[in-house]
Amino acid sequence: MNHRQPKRPRRCLLSVPGGNPRMLEKASGLEVDEVFLDLEDAVAPSAKLDARGMIVEAINKHDWTPRTICVRINDVETEYCHDDIIEVVTGAGSKLDAIMLTKAKSASDVMFVHRLLSQLEAKLGLDNRIGIECLIEEVEGIARVDEIAGASNRLEALTFGMGDYAASQKMQLATIGGSGDYPPDVWHYPRYRMIVACHANGIDPVDGPYANFADMEGFLTECQRCLTLGMSGKWAIHPNQISTAMEIFTPDTDAIARARKHEAAYADALAQGQGAINIDGEMVDAATIRIARNIIDRADLYGI
């Protein structure tokens, strides 16, 4: 159980309906860190079986620009989950990076997917190890988010699903991703809990969707809030949201240069037996360098 999945950029995750070949083809050429091809809410129950085949065909047929290809499956309490995993992995497992489990409520939900993936990889002789991402979108998921985040060494990320979460908590909101008339940030508590659980377990926290994709100012604000709290990126429901999310979650060149300068100067200071030092009128110590290292690690992951 010591194996960990590779770190992947997740500044923006674009959801793509799995039952729409035209949208699948368009998504294959987009400059975005990850696409997740949807078998859940974007596909009607009567179309789910056909959508599996469309996703398999699209993964195998197109040359994909996004760095990570993920498939969002139906949750473990549905009749679809088992066959979603089997058909997608059997048909396109060698080109698949991750499976996204919806409505994760407990560690056992995650381990169901983990064990089924292990069986399929062995059966099919796959060389790649498929990761797991989970949507935290039920009150049970938030209540058990720590055990979920540590459930499997296949886990790569947790994403906060605001729509179903709002329904699960019986919240009164006009639109998914908005804050309603609640004066503070209505999402602060579940976001914060999920972020802490993710970083404690070395996986990525990703924020959920902003349904009003015409409101770019609102989307920008939500991206900035999540970045401040420690999110790795944001879910986009429309291609128009991609560039904003990618920009906000990419450290700017000045911040990267400053972080690298501080790290190098502090290393020299330590070699000379110094602790805290003054760099351009700012005190730099071990805690400062930990923050700088976060920026440097992100820059390295994004190839900057």
C-alpha atoms as a PDB file:
ATOM      1  CA  MET A   1       0.000   0.000   0.000  1.00  0.00           C
ATOM      2  CA  ASN A   2       2.997   2.337  -0.289  1.00  0.00           C
ATOM      3  CA  HIS A   3       2.400   3.117  -3.960  1.00  0.00           C
ATOM      4  CA  ARG A   4       1.161   6.620  -4.619  1.00  0.00           C
ATOM      5  CA  GLN A   5      -0.291   8.028  -7.800  1.00  0.00           C
ATOM      6  CA  PRO A   6       1.652  10.655  -9.784  1.00  0.00           C
ATOM      7  CA  LYS A   7       1.013  14.337  -9.126  1.00  0.00           C
ATOM      8  CA  ARG A   8      -0.938  15.916 -11.984  1.00  0.00           C
ATOM      9  CA  PRO A   9      -1.842  19.534 -12.768  1.00  0.00           C
ATOM     10  CA  ARG A  10      -5.457  20.250 -11.817  1.00  0.00           C
ATOM     11  CA  ARG A  11      -5.857  23.994 -12.272  1.00  0.00           C
ATOM     12  CA  CYS A  12      -9.044  23.380 -14.220  1.00  0.00           C
ATOM     13  CA  LEU A  13     -11.221  20.290 -14.652  1.00  0.00           C
ATOM     14  CA  LEU A  14     -13.702  20.520 -17.519  1.00  0.00           C
ATOM     15  CA  SER A  15     -16.809  18.340 -17.381  1.00  0.00           C
ATOM     16  CA  VAL A  16     -17.953  16.943 -20.733  1.00  0.00           C
ATOM     17  CA  PRO A  17     -21.252  15.082 -21.355  1.00  0.00           C
ATOM     18  CA  GLY A  18     -20.389  11.501 -22.218  1.00  0.00           C
ATOM     19  CA  GLY A  19     -23.362  11.059 -24.511  1.00  0.00           C
ATOM     20  CA  ASN A  20     -22.436  13.843 -26.927  1.00  0.00           C
ATOM     21  CA  PRO A  21     -19.791  12.812 -29.513  1.00  0.00           C
ATOM     22  CA  ARG A  22     -19.467  16.380 -30.829  1.00  0.00           C
ATOM     23  CA  MET A  23     -18.634  17.753 -27.378  1.00  0.00           C
ATOM     24  CA  LEU A  24     -16.252  14.876 -26.718  1.00  0.00           C
ATOM     25  CA  GLU A  25     -14.371  15.630 -29.922  1.00  0.00           C
ATOM     26  CA  LYS A  26     -14.206  19.348 -29.124  1.00  0.00           C
ATOM     27  CA  ALA A  27     -12.940  18.657 -25.611  1.00  0.00           C
ATOM     28  CA  SER A  28     -10.081  16.549 -26.949  1.00  0.00           C
ATOM     29  CA  GLY A  29      -8.432  19.648 -28.425  1.00  0.00           C
ATOM     30  CA  LEU A  30      -8.843  22.074 -25.511  1.00  0.00           C
ATOM     31  CA  GLU A  31      -5.922  23.493 -23.529  1.00  0.00           C
ATOM     32  CA  VAL A  32      -7.000  22.400 -20.071  1.00  0.00           C
ATOM     33  CA  ASP A  33      -5.302  20.321 -17.394  1.00  0.00           C
ATOM     34  CA  GLU A  34      -8.048  17.700 -17.114  1.00  0.00           C
ATOM     35  CA  VAL A  35     -11.290  16.645 -18.724  1.00  0.00           C
ATOM     36  CA  PHE A  36     -13.732  14.335 -17.038  1.00  0.00           C
ATOM     37  CA  LEU A  37     -16.110  12.602 -19.391  1.00  0.00           C
ATOM     38  CA  ASP A  38     -19.432  12.312 -17.636  1.00  0.00           C
ATOM     39  CA  LEU A  39     -21.610   9.236 -17.262  1.00  0.00           C
ATOM     40  CA  GLU A  40     -23.595  10.641 -14.350  1.00  0.00           C
ATOM     41  CA  ASP A  41     -25.763  13.781 -14.237  1.00  0.00           C
ATOM     42  CA  ALA A  42     -25.087  14.876 -17.827  1.00  0.00           C
ATOM     43  CA  VAL A  43     -26.488  11.620 -19.195  1.00  0.00           C
ATOM     44  CA  ALA A  44     -30.129  10.550 -18.902  1.00  0.00           C
ATOM     45  CA  PRO A  45     -30.749   7.071 -17.428  1.00  0.00           C
ATOM     46  CA  SER A  46     -32.026   5.806 -20.771  1.00  0.00           C
ATOM     47  CA  ALA A  47     -28.788   6.917 -22.479  1.00  0.00           C
ATOM     48  CA  LYS A  48     -26.188   5.775 -19.941  1.00  0.00           C
ATOM     49  CA  LEU A  49     -25.422   2.420 -21.547  1.00  0.00           C
ATOM     50  CA  ASP A  50     -24.821   3.974 -24.972  1.00  0.00           C
ATOM     51  CA  ALA A  51     -22.759   6.772 -23.448  1.00  0.00           C
ATOM     52  CA  ARG A  52     -20.213   4.275 -22.130  1.00  0.00           C
ATOM     53  CA  GLY A  53     -19.472   3.200 -25.679  1.00  0.00           C
ATOM     54  CA  MET A  54     -19.282   6.787 -26.901  1.00  0.00           C
ATOM     55  CA  ILE A  55     -16.710   7.611 -24.222  1.00  0.00           C
ATOM     56  CA  VAL A  56     -14.618   4.540 -24.992  1.00  0.00           C
ATOM     57  CA  GLU A  57     -14.674   5.369 -28.701  1.00  0.00           C
ATOM     58  CA  ALA A  58     -13.740   9.013 -28.073  1.00  0.00           C
ATOM     59  CA  ILE A  59     -10.826   8.162 -25.756  1.00  0.00           C
ATOM     60  CA  ASN A  60      -9.401   5.735 -28.307  1.00  0.00           C
ATOM     61  CA  LYS A  61     -10.162   7.789 -31.412  1.00  0.00           C
ATOM     62  CA  HIS A  62      -8.964  11.297 -30.595  1.00  0.00           C
ATOM     63  CA  ASP A  63      -5.562  12.751 -29.839  1.00  0.00           C
ATOM     64  CA  TRP A  64      -6.121  14.389 -26.455  1.00  0.00           C
ATOM     65  CA  THR A  65      -4.556  17.747 -25.634  1.00  0.00           C
ATOM     66  CA  PRO A  66      -5.677  17.773 -21.968  1.00  0.00           C
ATOM     67  CA  ARG A  67      -3.010  16.244 -19.739  1.00  0.00           C
ATOM     68  CA  THR A  68      -5.409  14.053 -17.763  1.00  0.00           C
ATOM     69  CA  ILE A  69      -8.356  12.015 -19.023  1.00  0.00           C
ATOM     70  CA  CYS A  70     -10.867  10.971 -16.384  1.00  0.00           C
ATOM     71  CA  VAL A  71     -14.316   9.378 -16.550  1.00  0.00           C
ATOM     72  CA  ARG A  72     -16.992  10.332 -14.029  1.00  0.00           C
ATOM     73  CA  ILE A  73     -19.010   7.248 -13.141  1.00  0.00           C
ATOM     74  CA  ASN A  74     -22.298   6.812 -11.301  1.00  0.00           C
ATOM     75  CA  ASP A  75     -22.184   6.284  -7.556  1.00  0.00           C
ATOM     76  CA  VAL A  76     -21.918   2.909  -5.824  1.00  0.00           C
ATOM     77  CA  GLU A  77     -25.572   2.912  -4.763  1.00  0.00           C
ATOM     78  CA  THR A  78     -26.780   2.864  -8.381  1.00  0.00           C
ATOM     79  CA  GLU A  79     -27.226  -0.021 -10.798  1.00  0.00           C
ATOM     80  CA  TYR A  80     -24.723   1.573 -13.190  1.00  0.00           C
ATOM     81  CA  CYS A  81     -21.502   1.905 -11.187  1.00  0.00           C
ATOM     82  CA  HIS A  82     -20.138  -1.624 -11.558  1.00  0.00           C
ATOM     83  CA  ASP A  83     -20.576  -1.777 -15.331  1.00  0.00           C
ATOM     84  CA  ASP A  84     -19.447   1.837 -15.810  1.00  0.00           C
ATOM     85  CA  ILE A  85     -16.033   0.850 -14.466  1.00  0.00           C
ATOM     86  CA  ILE A  86     -15.824  -2.507 -16.233  1.00  0.00           C
ATOM     87  CA  GLU A  87     -16.842  -1.266 -19.685  1.00  0.00           C
ATOM     88  CA  VAL A  88     -14.761   1.921 -19.654  1.00  0.00           C
ATOM     89  CA  VAL A  89     -11.608   0.279 -18.296  1.00  0.00           C
ATOM     90  CA  THR A  90     -11.969  -2.772 -20.538  1.00  0.00           C
ATOM     91  CA  GLY A  91     -12.465  -0.571 -23.600  1.00  0.00           C
ATOM     92  CA  ALA A  92     -10.027   2.271 -22.945  1.00  0.00           C
ATOM     93  CA  GLY A  93      -8.094   1.487 -19.759  1.00  0.00           C
ATOM     94  CA  SER A  94      -4.655   1.866 -21.321  1.00  0.00           C
ATOM     95  CA  LYS A  95      -5.428   5.520 -22.147  1.00  0.00           C
ATOM     96  CA  LEU A  96      -7.343   6.348 -18.983  1.00  0.00           C
ATOM     97  CA  ASP A  97      -5.726   8.282 -16.144  1.00  0.00           C
ATOM     98  CA  ALA A  98      -8.453   8.255 -13.507  1.00  0.00           C
ATOM     99  CA  ILE A  99     -11.987   7.296 -12.541  1.00  0.00           C
ATOM    100  CA  MET A 100     -14.097   9.906 -10.717  1.00  0.00           C
ATOM    101  CA  LEU A 101     -16.459   8.409  -8.167  1.00  0.00           C
ATOM    102  CA  THR A 102     -19.565  10.470  -7.519  1.00  0.00           C
ATOM    103  CA  LYS A 103     -21.289  10.909  -4.151  1.00  0.00           C
ATOM    104  CA  ALA A 104     -18.554   9.241  -2.093  1.00  0.00           C
ATOM    105  CA  LYS A 105     -19.959   8.782   1.399  1.00  0.00           C
ATOM    106  CA  SER A 106     -17.426   6.490   3.074  1.00  0.00           C
ATOM    107  CA  ALA A 107     -14.056   4.819   2.748  1.00  0.00           C
ATOM    108  CA  SER A 108     -15.795   1.589   1.692  1.00  0.00           C
ATOM    109  CA  ASP A 109     -17.187   3.357  -1.399  1.00  0.00           C
ATOM    110  CA  VAL A 110     -13.653   4.247  -2.444  1.00  0.00           C
ATOM    111  CA  MET A 111     -12.319   0.755  -1.755  1.00  0.00           C
ATOM    112  CA  PHE A 112     -15.040  -0.776  -3.926  1.00  0.00           C
ATOM    113  CA  VAL A 113     -13.638   1.169  -6.883  1.00  0.00           C
ATOM    114  CA  HIS A 114     -10.030   0.496  -5.820  1.00  0.00           C
ATOM    115  CA  ARG A 115     -10.478  -3.278  -5.725  1.00  0.00           C
ATOM    116  CA  LEU A 116     -12.426  -3.451  -8.958  1.00  0.00           C
ATOM    117  CA  LEU A 117      -9.700  -1.443 -10.712  1.00  0.00           C
ATOM    118  CA  SER A 118      -7.033  -3.788  -9.316  1.00  0.00           C
ATOM    119  CA  GLN A 119      -8.896  -6.817 -10.649  1.00  0.00           C
ATOM    120  CA  LEU A 120      -9.372  -5.271 -14.081  1.00  0.00           C
ATOM    121  CA  GLU A 121      -5.772  -4.107 -14.390  1.00  0.00           C
ATOM    122  CA  ALA A 122      -4.575  -7.622 -13.583  1.00  0.00           C
ATOM    123  CA  LYS A 123      -7.076  -9.258 -15.918  1.00  0.00           C
ATOM    124  CA  LEU A 124      -6.340  -6.897 -18.827  1.00  0.00           C
ATOM    125  CA  GLY A 125      -2.584  -6.698 -18.253  1.00  0.00           C
ATOM    126  CA  LEU A 126      -2.629  -2.911 -18.064  1.00  0.00           C
ATOM    127  CA  ASP A 127       0.729  -1.220 -17.475  1.00  0.00           C
ATOM    128  CA  ASN A 128      -0.772   2.035 -16.196  1.00  0.00           C
ATOM    129  CA  ARG A 129      -2.284   2.271 -12.715  1.00  0.00           C
ATOM    130  CA  ILE A 130      -5.598   4.108 -12.881  1.00  0.00           C
ATOM    131  CA  GLY A 131      -6.162   6.731 -10.215  1.00  0.00           C
ATOM    132  CA  ILE A 132      -9.326   7.600  -8.317  1.00  0.00           C
ATOM    133  CA  GLU A 133     -10.896  10.996  -7.826  1.00  0.00           C
ATOM    134  CA  CYS A 134     -13.938  11.452  -5.588  1.00  0.00           C
ATOM    135  CA  LEU A 135     -16.740  13.946  -5.523  1.00  0.00           C
ATOM    136  CA  ILE A 136     -17.629  15.095  -2.018  1.00  0.00           C
ATOM    137  CA  GLU A 137     -21.228  16.147  -2.519  1.00  0.00           C
ATOM    138  CA  GLU A 138     -23.258  14.627   0.296  1.00  0.00           C
ATOM    139  CA  VAL A 139     -23.411  15.534   3.983  1.00  0.00           C
ATOM    140  CA  GLU A 140     -22.137  12.026   4.759  1.00  0.00           C
ATOM    141  CA  GLY A 141     -19.132  12.732   2.551  1.00  0.00           C
ATOM    142  CA  ILE A 142     -18.223  15.896   4.448  1.00  0.00           C
ATOM    143  CA  ALA A 143     -18.837  14.175   7.791  1.00  0.00           C
ATOM    144  CA  ARG A 144     -16.431  11.365   6.776  1.00  0.00           C
ATOM    145  CA  VAL A 145     -14.090  13.337   4.528  1.00  0.00           C
ATOM    146  CA  ASP A 146     -10.982  12.454   6.562  1.00  0.00           C
ATOM    147  CA  GLU A 147     -11.519   8.705   6.213  1.00  0.00           C
ATOM    148  CA  ILE A 148     -12.409   9.107   2.528  1.00  0.00           C
ATOM    149  CA  ALA A 149      -9.247  11.119   1.811  1.00  0.00           C
ATOM    150  CA  GLY A 150      -7.111   8.374   3.362  1.00  0.00           C
ATOM    151  CA  ALA A 151      -9.023   5.383   2.023  1.00  0.00           C
ATOM    152  CA  SER A 152      -6.862   4.383  -0.945  1.00  0.00           C
ATOM    153  CA  ASN A 153      -3.397   4.989  -2.336  1.00  0.00           C
ATOM    154  CA  ARG A 154      -5.059   5.341  -5.743  1.00  0.00           C
ATOM    155  CA  LEU A 155      -6.726   8.565  -4.601  1.00  0.00           C
ATOM    156  CA  GLU A 156      -5.464  11.637  -6.416  1.00  0.00           C
ATOM    157  CA  ALA A 157      -8.072  14.309  -5.679  1.00  0.00           C
ATOM    158  CA  LEU A 158     -11.318  15.222  -3.981  1.00  0.00           C
ATOM    159  CA  THR A 159     -13.678  17.657  -5.690  1.00  0.00           C
ATOM    160  CA  PHE A 160     -16.385  19.581  -3.869  1.00  0.00           C
ATOM    161  CA  GLY A 161     -19.724  19.082  -5.622  1.00  0.00           C
ATOM    162  CA  MET A 162     -21.811  22.066  -4.581  1.00  0.00           C
ATOM    163  CA  GLY A 163     -25.072  21.205  -6.318  1.00  0.00           C
ATOM    164  CA  ASP A 164     -25.807  17.862  -4.709  1.00  0.00           C
ATOM    165  CA  TYR A 165     -24.214  19.012  -1.466  1.00  0.00           C
ATOM    166  CA  ALA A 166     -26.635  21.956  -1.263  1.00  0.00           C
ATOM    167  CA  ALA A 167     -29.542  19.566  -1.798  1.00  0.00           C
ATOM    168  CA  SER A 168     -28.177  17.104   0.745  1.00  0.00           C
ATOM    169  CA  GLN A 169     -27.882  19.832   3.387  1.00  0.00           C
ATOM    170  CA  LYS A 170     -31.275  21.283   2.380  1.00  0.00           C
ATOM    171  CA  MET A 171     -29.711  24.653   1.597  1.00  0.00           C
ATOM    172  CA  GLN A 172     -31.865  27.332  -0.043  1.00  0.00           C
ATOM    173  CA  LEU A 173     -29.884  28.688  -3.002  1.00  0.00           C
ATOM    174  CA  ALA A 174     -30.911  30.058  -6.376  1.00  0.00           C
ATOM    175  CA  THR A 175     -27.931  28.758  -8.366  1.00  0.00           C
ATOM    176  CA  ILE A 176     -25.151  26.187  -7.996  1.00  0.00           C
ATOM    177  CA  GLY A 177     -21.922  27.813  -6.842  1.00  0.00           C
ATOM    178  CA  GLY A 178     -23.537  31.044  -5.666  1.00  0.00           C
ATOM    179  CA  SER A 179     -23.655  32.165  -2.044  1.00  0.00           C
ATOM    180  CA  GLY A 180     -27.307  33.271  -1.861  1.00  0.00           C
ATOM    181  CA  ASP A 181     -28.087  35.915   0.740  1.00  0.00           C
ATOM    182  CA  TYR A 182     -25.753  34.468   3.379  1.00  0.00           C
ATOM    183  CA  PRO A 183     -23.354  37.328   4.278  1.00  0.00           C
ATOM    184  CA  PRO A 184     -20.122  35.276   4.589  1.00  0.00           C
ATOM    185  CA  ASP A 185     -18.997  32.605   2.131  1.00  0.00           C
ATOM    186  CA  VAL A 186     -21.672  29.938   2.454  1.00  0.00           C
ATOM    187  CA  TRP A 187     -19.219  27.284   1.196  1.00  0.00           C
ATOM    188  CA  HIS A 188     -16.401  28.109   3.588  1.00  0.00           C
ATOM    189  CA  TYR A 189     -16.899  25.260   6.080  1.00  0.00           C
ATOM    190  CA  PRO A 190     -17.196  22.308   3.656  1.00  0.00           C
ATOM    191  CA  ARG A 191     -14.404  23.718   1.493  1.00  0.00           C
ATOM    192  CA  TYR A 192     -12.123  24.153   4.480  1.00  0.00           C
ATOM    193  CA  ARG A 193     -12.809  20.669   5.850  1.00  0.00           C
ATOM    194  CA  MET A 194     -12.164  19.053   2.488  1.00  0.00           C
ATOM    195  CA  ILE A 195      -8.969  21.031   1.867  1.00  0.00           C
ATOM    196  CA  VAL A 196      -7.499  20.053   5.239  1.00  0.00           C
ATOM    197  CA  ALA A 197      -8.345  16.376   4.653  1.00  0.00           C
ATOM    198  CA  CYS A 198      -6.760  16.465   1.202  1.00  0.00           C
ATOM    199  CA  HIS A 199      -3.486  18.087   2.207  1.00  0.00           C
ATOM    200  CA  ALA A 200      -3.206  15.856   5.282  1.00  0.00           C
ATOM    201  CA  ASN A 201      -3.283  12.894   2.882  1.00  0.00           C
ATOM    202  CA  GLY A 202      -1.202  14.322   0.030  1.00  0.00           C
ATOM    203  CA  ILE A 203      -3.999  14.611  -2.534  1.00  0.00           C
ATOM    204  CA  ASP A 204      -5.448  17.539  -4.497  1.00  0.00           C
ATOM    205  CA  PRO A 205      -8.500  19.529  -3.366  1.00  0.00           C
ATOM    206  CA  VAL A 206     -10.529  20.896  -6.289  1.00  0.00           C
ATOM    207  CA  ASP A 207     -13.442  23.314  -6.015  1.00  0.00           C
ATOM    208  CA  GLY A 208     -16.816  22.654  -7.565  1.00  0.00           C
ATOM    209  CA  PRO A 209     -18.782  24.248 -10.394  1.00  0.00           C
ATOM    210  CA  TYR A 210     -20.144  27.749 -10.885  1.00  0.00           C
ATOM    211  CA  ALA A 211     -23.339  27.194 -12.832  1.00  0.00           C
ATOM    212  CA  ASN A 212     -23.862  30.713 -14.186  1.00  0.00           C
ATOM    213  CA  PHE A 213     -21.122  30.520 -16.803  1.00  0.00           C
ATOM    214  CA  ALA A 214     -22.118  33.932 -18.187  1.00  0.00           C
ATOM    215  CA  ASP A 215     -21.103  35.522 -14.870  1.00  0.00           C
ATOM    216  CA  MET A 216     -17.350  35.561 -15.310  1.00  0.00           C
ATOM    217  CA  GLU A 217     -16.831  38.052 -12.488  1.00  0.00           C
ATOM    218  CA  GLY A 218     -18.523  35.703 -10.034  1.00  0.00           C
ATOM    219  CA  PHE A 219     -16.503  32.754 -11.326  1.00  0.00           C
ATOM    220  CA  LEU A 220     -13.287  34.755 -10.960  1.00  0.00           C
ATOM    221  CA  THR A 221     -14.146  35.637  -7.353  1.00  0.00           C
ATOM    222  CA  GLU A 222     -14.793  31.995  -6.469  1.00  0.00           C
ATOM    223  CA  CYS A 223     -11.495  30.930  -8.066  1.00  0.00           C
ATOM    224  CA  GLN A 224      -9.592  33.535  -6.057  1.00  0.00           C
ATOM    225  CA  ARG A 225     -11.251  32.492  -2.786  1.00  0.00           C
ATOM    226  CA  CYS A 226     -10.406  28.847  -3.370  1.00  0.00           C
ATOM    227  CA  LEU A 227      -6.813  29.596  -4.277  1.00  0.00           C
ATOM    228  CA  THR A 228      -6.411  31.548  -1.035  1.00  0.00           C
ATOM    229  CA  LEU A 229      -7.751  28.593   0.969  1.00  0.00           C
ATOM    230  CA  GLY A 230      -5.389  26.113  -0.688  1.00  0.00           C
ATOM    231  CA  MET A 231      -7.373  24.553  -3.534  1.00  0.00           C
ATOM    232  CA  SER A 232      -5.440  23.145  -6.492  1.00  0.00           C
ATOM    233  CA  GLY A 233      -8.003  24.201  -9.081  1.00  0.00           C
ATOM    234  CA  LYS A 234     -11.657  24.554 -10.079  1.00  0.00           C
ATOM    235  CA  TRP A 235     -14.255  22.612 -12.008  1.00  0.00           C
ATOM    236  CA  ALA A 236     -15.427  24.274 -15.230  1.00  0.00           C
ATOM    237  CA  ILE A 237     -18.810  23.448 -16.727  1.00  0.00           C
ATOM    238  CA  HIS A 238     -18.225  25.474 -19.904  1.00  0.00           C
ATOM    239  CA  PRO A 239     -15.112  26.015 -22.050  1.00  0.00           C
ATOM    240  CA  ASN A 240     -15.459  29.780 -21.496  1.00  0.00           C
ATOM    241  CA  GLN A 241     -14.427  29.248 -17.864  1.00  0.00           C
ATOM    242  CA  ILE A 242     -11.191  27.423 -18.659  1.00  0.00           C
ATOM    243  CA  SER A 243      -8.854  30.366 -19.270  1.00  0.00           C
ATOM    244  CA  THR A 244      -9.894  32.134 -16.060  1.00  0.00           C
ATOM    245  CA  ALA A 245      -9.337  29.073 -13.882  1.00  0.00           C
ATOM    246  CA  MET A 246      -6.049  28.221 -15.564  1.00  0.00           C
ATOM    247  CA  GLU A 247      -4.788  31.781 -15.072  1.00  0.00           C
ATOM    248  CA  ILE A 248      -5.858  32.162 -11.435  1.00  0.00           C
ATOM    249  CA  PHE A 249      -4.371  28.849 -10.319  1.00  0.00           C
ATOM    250  CA  THR A 250      -1.073  29.428 -12.144  1.00  0.00           C
ATOM    251  CA  PRO A 251       1.445  31.394 -10.038  1.00  0.00           C
ATOM    252  CA  ASP A 252       2.642  34.488 -11.863  1.00  0.00           C
ATOM    253  CA  THR A 253       6.243  34.743 -13.003  1.00  0.00           C
ATOM    254  CA  ASP A 254       7.113  37.421 -10.438  1.00  0.00           C
ATOM    255  CA  ALA A 255       5.876  35.243  -7.567  1.00  0.00           C
ATOM    256  CA  ILE A 256       7.843  32.266  -8.898  1.00  0.00           C
ATOM    257  CA  ALA A 257      11.036  34.299  -9.296  1.00  0.00           C
ATOM    258  CA  ARG A 258      10.640  35.739  -5.785  1.00  0.00           C
ATOM    259  CA  ALA A 259      10.061  32.301  -4.272  1.00  0.00           C
ATOM    260  CA  ARG A 260      13.124  30.850  -5.969  1.00  0.00           C
ATOM    261  CA  LYS A 261      15.226  33.838  -4.923  1.00  0.00           C
ATOM    262  CA  HIS A 262      14.137  33.442  -1.300  1.00  0.00           C
ATOM    263  CA  GLU A 263      14.819  29.711  -1.312  1.00  0.00           C
ATOM    264  CA  ALA A 264      18.313  30.143  -2.732  1.00  0.00           C
ATOM    265  CA  ALA A 265      19.200  32.972  -0.340  1.00  0.00           C
ATOM    266  CA  TYR A 266      17.894  31.047   2.661  1.00  0.00           C
ATOM    267  CA  ALA A 267      19.896  27.962   1.682  1.00  0.00           C
ATOM    268  CA  ASP A 268      23.042  30.130   1.582  1.00  0.00           C
ATOM    269  CA  ALA A 269      22.155  31.622   4.978  1.00  0.00           C
ATOM    270  CA  LEU A 270      21.688  28.183   6.540  1.00  0.00           C
ATOM    271  CA  ALA A 271      25.076  27.105   5.183  1.00  0.00           C
ATOM    272  CA  GLN A 272      26.550  30.074   7.057  1.00  0.00           C
ATOM    273  CA  GLY A 273      24.772  29.162  10.268  1.00  0.00           C
ATOM    274  CA  GLN A 274      22.049  31.815  10.036  1.00  0.00           C
ATOM    275  CA  GLY A 275      18.330  31.378  10.659  1.00  0.00           C
ATOM    276  CA  ALA A 276      15.994  34.210   9.739  1.00  0.00           C
ATOM    277  CA  ILE A 277      17.380  36.669   7.184  1.00  0.00           C
ATOM    278  CA  ASN A 278      16.383  39.968   5.602  1.00  0.00           C
ATOM    279  CA  ILE A 279      15.662  39.930   1.876  1.00  0.00           C
ATOM    280  CA  ASP A 280      14.555  43.228   0.344  1.00  0.00           C
ATOM    281  CA  GLY A 281      13.118  44.410   3.661  1.00  0.00           C
ATOM    282  CA  GLU A 282      11.227  41.175   4.391  1.00  0.00           C
ATOM    283  CA  MET A 283      12.044  38.643   7.068  1.00  0.00           C
ATOM    284  CA  VAL A 284      12.541  35.194   5.564  1.00  0.00           C
ATOM    285  CA  ASP A 285      12.638  32.144   7.825  1.00  0.00           C
ATOM    286  CA  ALA A 286      11.779  28.446   7.685  1.00  0.00           C
ATOM    287  CA  ALA A 287       8.013  29.079   7.542  1.00  0.00           C
ATOM    288  CA  THR A 288       8.477  31.605   4.724  1.00  0.00           C
ATOM    289  CA  ILE A 289      10.413  29.031   2.737  1.00  0.00           C
ATOM    290  CA  ARG A 290       7.684  26.424   3.198  1.00  0.00           C
ATOM    291  CA  ILE A 291       5.239  28.840   1.572  1.00  0.00           C
ATOM    292  CA  ALA A 292       7.754  29.641  -1.172  1.00  0.00           C
ATOM    293  CA  ARG A 293       8.281  25.931  -1.789  1.00  0.00           C
ATOM    294  CA  ASN A 294       4.546  25.515  -2.426  1.00  0.00           C
ATOM    295  CA  ILE A 295       4.800  28.086  -5.228  1.00  0.00           C
ATOM    296  CA  ILE A 296       7.950  26.470  -6.626  1.00  0.00           C
ATOM    297  CA  ASP A 297       6.385  22.993  -6.557  1.00  0.00           C
ATOM    298  CA  ARG A 298       3.339  24.274  -8.455  1.00  0.00           C
ATOM    299  CA  ALA A 299       5.540  26.021 -11.009  1.00  0.00           C
ATOM    300  CA  ASP A 300       7.582  22.851 -11.543  1.00  0.00           C
ATOM    301  CA  LEU A 301       4.407  20.766 -11.927  1.00  0.00           C
ATOM    302  CA  TYR A 302       3.081  23.168 -14.570  1.00  0.00           C
ATOM    303  CA  GLY A 303       6.454  23.329 -16.377  1.00  0.00           C
ATOM    304  CA  ILE A 304       7.036  27.012 -15.671  1.00  0.00           C
END
